[in-house]
Amino acid sequence: MSDLPLPHGFVASGYGGKGSASSTPWIGVFGKAINTQAQEGLYLAYIFDATLASVTLTLQQGVTKLSDEYPNWATGSRN
């Protein structure tokens, strides 16, 4: 996204759904020193409502990578 002015060291990526369109698309803003994808670490997300009439800025924490590394924790089994 070269037309989006971001501070040095930050990148942005748009997300519209996997396989099918999401009703609430969003844009993630990542600090390269922390992460560049939503699967881990902290990042900002601009989440659009279904009508695209409003947008909310949120602080997110990615946990997909942790769930992949520790699948028993995701299911509630601690063994």
N, C-alpha and C. Protein backbone atom coordinates (compact mmCIF):
# COMPACT_ATOMS: atom_id res chain seq x y z
N MET A 1 0.84 -1.18 0.00
CA MET A 1 0.00 0.00 0.00
C MET A 1 0.88 1.24 0.00
N SER A 2 1.40 1.58 -1.11
CA SER A 2 2.32 2.71 -1.18
C SER A 2 1.62 4.05 -1.02
N ASP A 3 0.30 4.12 -1.22
CA ASP A 3 -0.40 5.39 -1.10
C ASP A 3 -0.89 5.67 0.33
N LEU A 4 -0.65 4.76 1.26
CA LEU A 4 -1.03 4.94 2.64
C LEU A 4 0.18 5.45 3.42
N PRO A 5 0.13 6.71 3.92
CA PRO A 5 1.29 7.24 4.63
C PRO A 5 1.44 6.59 6.01
N LEU A 6 2.51 5.84 6.18
CA LEU A 6 2.79 5.16 7.44
C LEU A 6 4.13 5.63 7.98
N PRO A 7 4.30 5.64 9.29
CA PRO A 7 5.62 5.95 9.85
C PRO A 7 6.65 4.92 9.41
N HIS A 8 7.91 5.32 9.40
CA HIS A 8 9.00 4.41 9.04
C HIS A 8 8.95 3.17 9.94
N GLY A 9 9.10 1.99 9.34
CA GLY A 9 9.13 0.75 10.09
C GLY A 9 7.77 0.08 10.26
N PHE A 10 6.75 0.61 9.61
CA PHE A 10 5.42 0.03 9.69
C PHE A 10 4.95 -0.41 8.32
N VAL A 11 4.13 -1.45 8.28
CA VAL A 11 3.52 -1.94 7.04
C VAL A 11 2.02 -2.14 7.29
N ALA A 12 1.24 -2.11 6.22
CA ALA A 12 -0.20 -2.33 6.32
C ALA A 12 -0.63 -3.41 5.33
N SER A 13 -1.62 -4.20 5.72
CA SER A 13 -2.17 -5.23 4.85
C SER A 13 -3.68 -5.25 5.01
N GLY A 14 -4.38 -5.45 3.88
CA GLY A 14 -5.83 -5.53 3.91
C GLY A 14 -6.30 -6.97 3.99
N TYR A 15 -7.40 -7.19 4.68
CA TYR A 15 -7.96 -8.53 4.86
C TYR A 15 -9.45 -8.49 4.54
N GLY A 16 -9.86 -9.32 3.61
CA GLY A 16 -11.26 -9.34 3.20
C GLY A 16 -11.92 -10.69 3.38
N GLY A 17 -11.25 -11.63 4.02
CA GLY A 17 -11.81 -12.96 4.24
C GLY A 17 -10.98 -14.03 3.57
N LYS A 18 -11.05 -15.24 4.09
CA LYS A 18 -10.36 -16.39 3.50
C LYS A 18 -11.38 -17.25 2.78
N GLY A 19 -11.21 -17.44 1.49
CA GLY A 19 -12.11 -18.28 0.71
C GLY A 19 -13.37 -17.57 0.25
N SER A 20 -13.97 -16.78 1.13
CA SER A 20 -15.14 -16.00 0.75
C SER A 20 -15.02 -14.61 1.37
N ALA A 21 -15.77 -13.68 0.85
CA ALA A 21 -15.67 -12.29 1.31
C ALA A 21 -16.16 -12.15 2.75
N SER A 22 -15.45 -11.37 3.52
CA SER A 22 -15.84 -11.07 4.89
C SER A 22 -16.87 -9.95 4.89
N SER A 23 -17.83 -10.00 5.81
CA SER A 23 -18.79 -8.90 5.91
C SER A 23 -18.18 -7.70 6.63
N THR A 24 -17.05 -7.92 7.31
CA THR A 24 -16.36 -6.83 8.00
C THR A 24 -14.88 -6.84 7.63
N PRO A 25 -14.53 -6.26 6.49
CA PRO A 25 -13.12 -6.22 6.09
C PRO A 25 -12.31 -5.35 7.05
N TRP A 26 -11.01 -5.57 7.06
CA TRP A 26 -10.16 -4.79 7.95
C TRP A 26 -8.78 -4.60 7.38
N ILE A 27 -8.09 -3.60 7.91
CA ILE A 27 -6.71 -3.30 7.52
C ILE A 27 -5.86 -3.41 8.77
N GLY A 28 -4.81 -4.22 8.71
CA GLY A 28 -3.89 -4.37 9.83
C GLY A 28 -2.67 -3.49 9.62
N VAL A 29 -2.21 -2.83 10.68
CA VAL A 29 -1.00 -2.01 10.65
C VAL A 29 -0.01 -2.65 11.61
N PHE A 30 1.14 -3.05 11.06
CA PHE A 30 2.11 -3.83 11.81
C PHE A 30 3.44 -3.09 11.95
N GLY A 31 4.04 -3.17 13.12
CA GLY A 31 5.39 -2.67 13.33
C GLY A 31 6.36 -3.77 12.94
N LYS A 32 7.21 -3.51 11.97
CA LYS A 32 8.12 -4.55 11.46
C LYS A 32 8.99 -5.16 12.55
N ALA A 33 9.31 -4.40 13.59
CA ALA A 33 10.14 -4.92 14.68
C ALA A 33 9.38 -5.94 15.53
N ILE A 34 8.05 -5.95 15.44
CA ILE A 34 7.24 -6.87 16.24
C ILE A 34 6.72 -8.01 15.38
N ASN A 35 6.05 -7.68 14.27
CA ASN A 35 5.47 -8.68 13.38
C ASN A 35 5.03 -8.02 12.08
N THR A 36 4.73 -8.83 11.09
CA THR A 36 4.22 -8.31 9.83
C THR A 36 2.96 -9.05 9.38
N GLN A 37 2.44 -9.90 10.26
CA GLN A 37 1.23 -10.66 9.96
C GLN A 37 0.36 -10.73 11.21
N ALA A 38 -0.92 -11.02 11.02
CA ALA A 38 -1.87 -11.02 12.13
C ALA A 38 -1.82 -12.26 13.00
N GLN A 39 -1.01 -13.24 12.67
CA GLN A 39 -1.00 -14.50 13.42
C GLN A 39 -0.31 -14.42 14.77
N GLU A 40 0.49 -13.39 14.99
CA GLU A 40 1.19 -13.29 16.27
C GLU A 40 1.50 -11.83 16.58
N GLY A 41 1.74 -11.56 17.85
CA GLY A 41 2.12 -10.23 18.27
C GLY A 41 0.97 -9.23 18.30
N LEU A 42 1.31 -8.00 18.67
CA LEU A 42 0.33 -6.92 18.75
C LEU A 42 0.33 -6.12 17.45
N TYR A 43 -0.85 -5.61 17.10
CA TYR A 43 -0.97 -4.78 15.90
C TYR A 43 -2.25 -3.96 15.99
N LEU A 44 -2.31 -2.91 15.20
CA LEU A 44 -3.52 -2.10 15.09
C LEU A 44 -4.37 -2.63 13.96
N ALA A 45 -5.68 -2.55 14.11
CA ALA A 45 -6.58 -2.97 13.04
C ALA A 45 -7.68 -1.93 12.88
N TYR A 46 -7.90 -1.52 11.65
CA TYR A 46 -9.04 -0.68 11.30
C TYR A 46 -10.11 -1.64 10.79
N ILE A 47 -11.19 -1.82 11.55
CA ILE A 47 -12.24 -2.77 11.21
C ILE A 47 -13.46 -1.99 10.71
N PHE A 48 -13.88 -2.31 9.50
CA PHE A 48 -15.03 -1.64 8.89
C PHE A 48 -16.30 -2.40 9.23
N ASP A 49 -17.41 -1.66 9.42
CA ASP A 49 -18.68 -2.35 9.65
C ASP A 49 -19.20 -2.91 8.33
N ALA A 50 -20.24 -3.73 8.41
CA ALA A 50 -20.75 -4.43 7.23
C ALA A 50 -21.23 -3.50 6.13
N THR A 51 -21.68 -2.30 6.49
CA THR A 51 -22.16 -1.35 5.48
C THR A 51 -21.06 -0.43 4.97
N LEU A 52 -19.87 -0.55 5.55
CA LEU A 52 -18.72 0.30 5.25
C LEU A 52 -18.98 1.76 5.58
N ALA A 53 -19.95 2.01 6.45
CA ALA A 53 -20.30 3.37 6.85
C ALA A 53 -19.44 3.88 8.01
N SER A 54 -18.83 2.96 8.76
CA SER A 54 -17.98 3.37 9.87
C SER A 54 -16.79 2.43 10.00
N VAL A 55 -15.78 2.93 10.69
CA VAL A 55 -14.57 2.15 10.92
C VAL A 55 -14.16 2.33 12.38
N THR A 56 -13.63 1.26 12.98
CA THR A 56 -13.19 1.28 14.37
C THR A 56 -11.71 0.92 14.42
N LEU A 57 -10.95 1.70 15.15
CA LEU A 57 -9.53 1.41 15.37
C LEU A 57 -9.41 0.56 16.63
N THR A 58 -8.75 -0.60 16.52
CA THR A 58 -8.61 -1.50 17.66
C THR A 58 -7.15 -1.94 17.81
N LEU A 59 -6.80 -2.35 19.02
CA LEU A 59 -5.52 -2.99 19.29
C LEU A 59 -5.78 -4.49 19.35
N GLN A 60 -5.08 -5.26 18.54
CA GLN A 60 -5.31 -6.70 18.44
C GLN A 60 -4.07 -7.47 18.90
N GLN A 61 -4.30 -8.72 19.30
CA GLN A 61 -3.20 -9.62 19.62
C GLN A 61 -3.42 -10.91 18.85
N GLY A 62 -2.48 -11.24 17.98
CA GLY A 62 -2.57 -12.47 17.21
C GLY A 62 -2.21 -13.68 18.05
N VAL A 63 -3.02 -14.74 17.94
CA VAL A 63 -2.77 -15.96 18.72
C VAL A 63 -2.75 -17.21 17.85
N THR A 64 -2.89 -17.06 16.54
CA THR A 64 -2.92 -18.23 15.66
C THR A 64 -1.65 -19.06 15.79
N LYS A 65 -0.51 -18.40 15.80
CA LYS A 65 0.75 -19.13 15.90
C LYS A 65 0.84 -19.89 17.22
N LEU A 66 0.39 -19.28 18.31
CA LEU A 66 0.39 -19.98 19.60
C LEU A 66 -0.55 -21.18 19.58
N SER A 67 -1.72 -21.02 18.97
CA SER A 67 -2.67 -22.13 18.87
C SER A 67 -2.09 -23.28 18.07
N ASP A 68 -1.32 -22.96 17.02
CA ASP A 68 -0.69 -24.00 16.21
C ASP A 68 0.40 -24.72 16.99
N GLU A 69 1.16 -23.98 17.80
CA GLU A 69 2.26 -24.57 18.55
C GLU A 69 1.78 -25.34 19.78
N TYR A 70 0.66 -24.91 20.36
CA TYR A 70 0.12 -25.54 21.57
C TYR A 70 -1.35 -25.90 21.35
N PRO A 71 -1.63 -26.88 20.50
CA PRO A 71 -3.03 -27.19 20.17
C PRO A 71 -3.87 -27.66 21.35
N ASN A 72 -3.27 -28.30 22.34
CA ASN A 72 -4.03 -28.76 23.50
C ASN A 72 -4.58 -27.60 24.33
N TRP A 73 -3.89 -26.48 24.36
CA TRP A 73 -4.39 -25.32 25.09
C TRP A 73 -5.63 -24.75 24.42
N ALA A 74 -5.68 -24.80 23.12
CA ALA A 74 -6.83 -24.26 22.39
C ALA A 74 -8.09 -25.08 22.65
N THR A 75 -7.94 -26.37 22.92
CA THR A 75 -9.10 -27.24 23.15
C THR A 75 -9.44 -27.37 24.62
N GLY A 76 -8.63 -26.79 25.49
CA GLY A 76 -8.89 -26.88 26.93
C GLY A 76 -8.14 -28.01 27.61
N SER A 77 -7.50 -28.90 26.85
CA SER A 77 -6.72 -29.99 27.42
C SER A 77 -5.32 -29.48 27.72
N ARG A 78 -4.86 -29.65 28.94
CA ARG A 78 -3.55 -29.13 29.35
C ARG A 78 -2.49 -30.22 29.42
N ASN A 79 -2.74 -31.39 28.89
CA ASN A 79 -1.78 -32.50 28.96
C ASN A 79 -0.79 -32.47 27.84
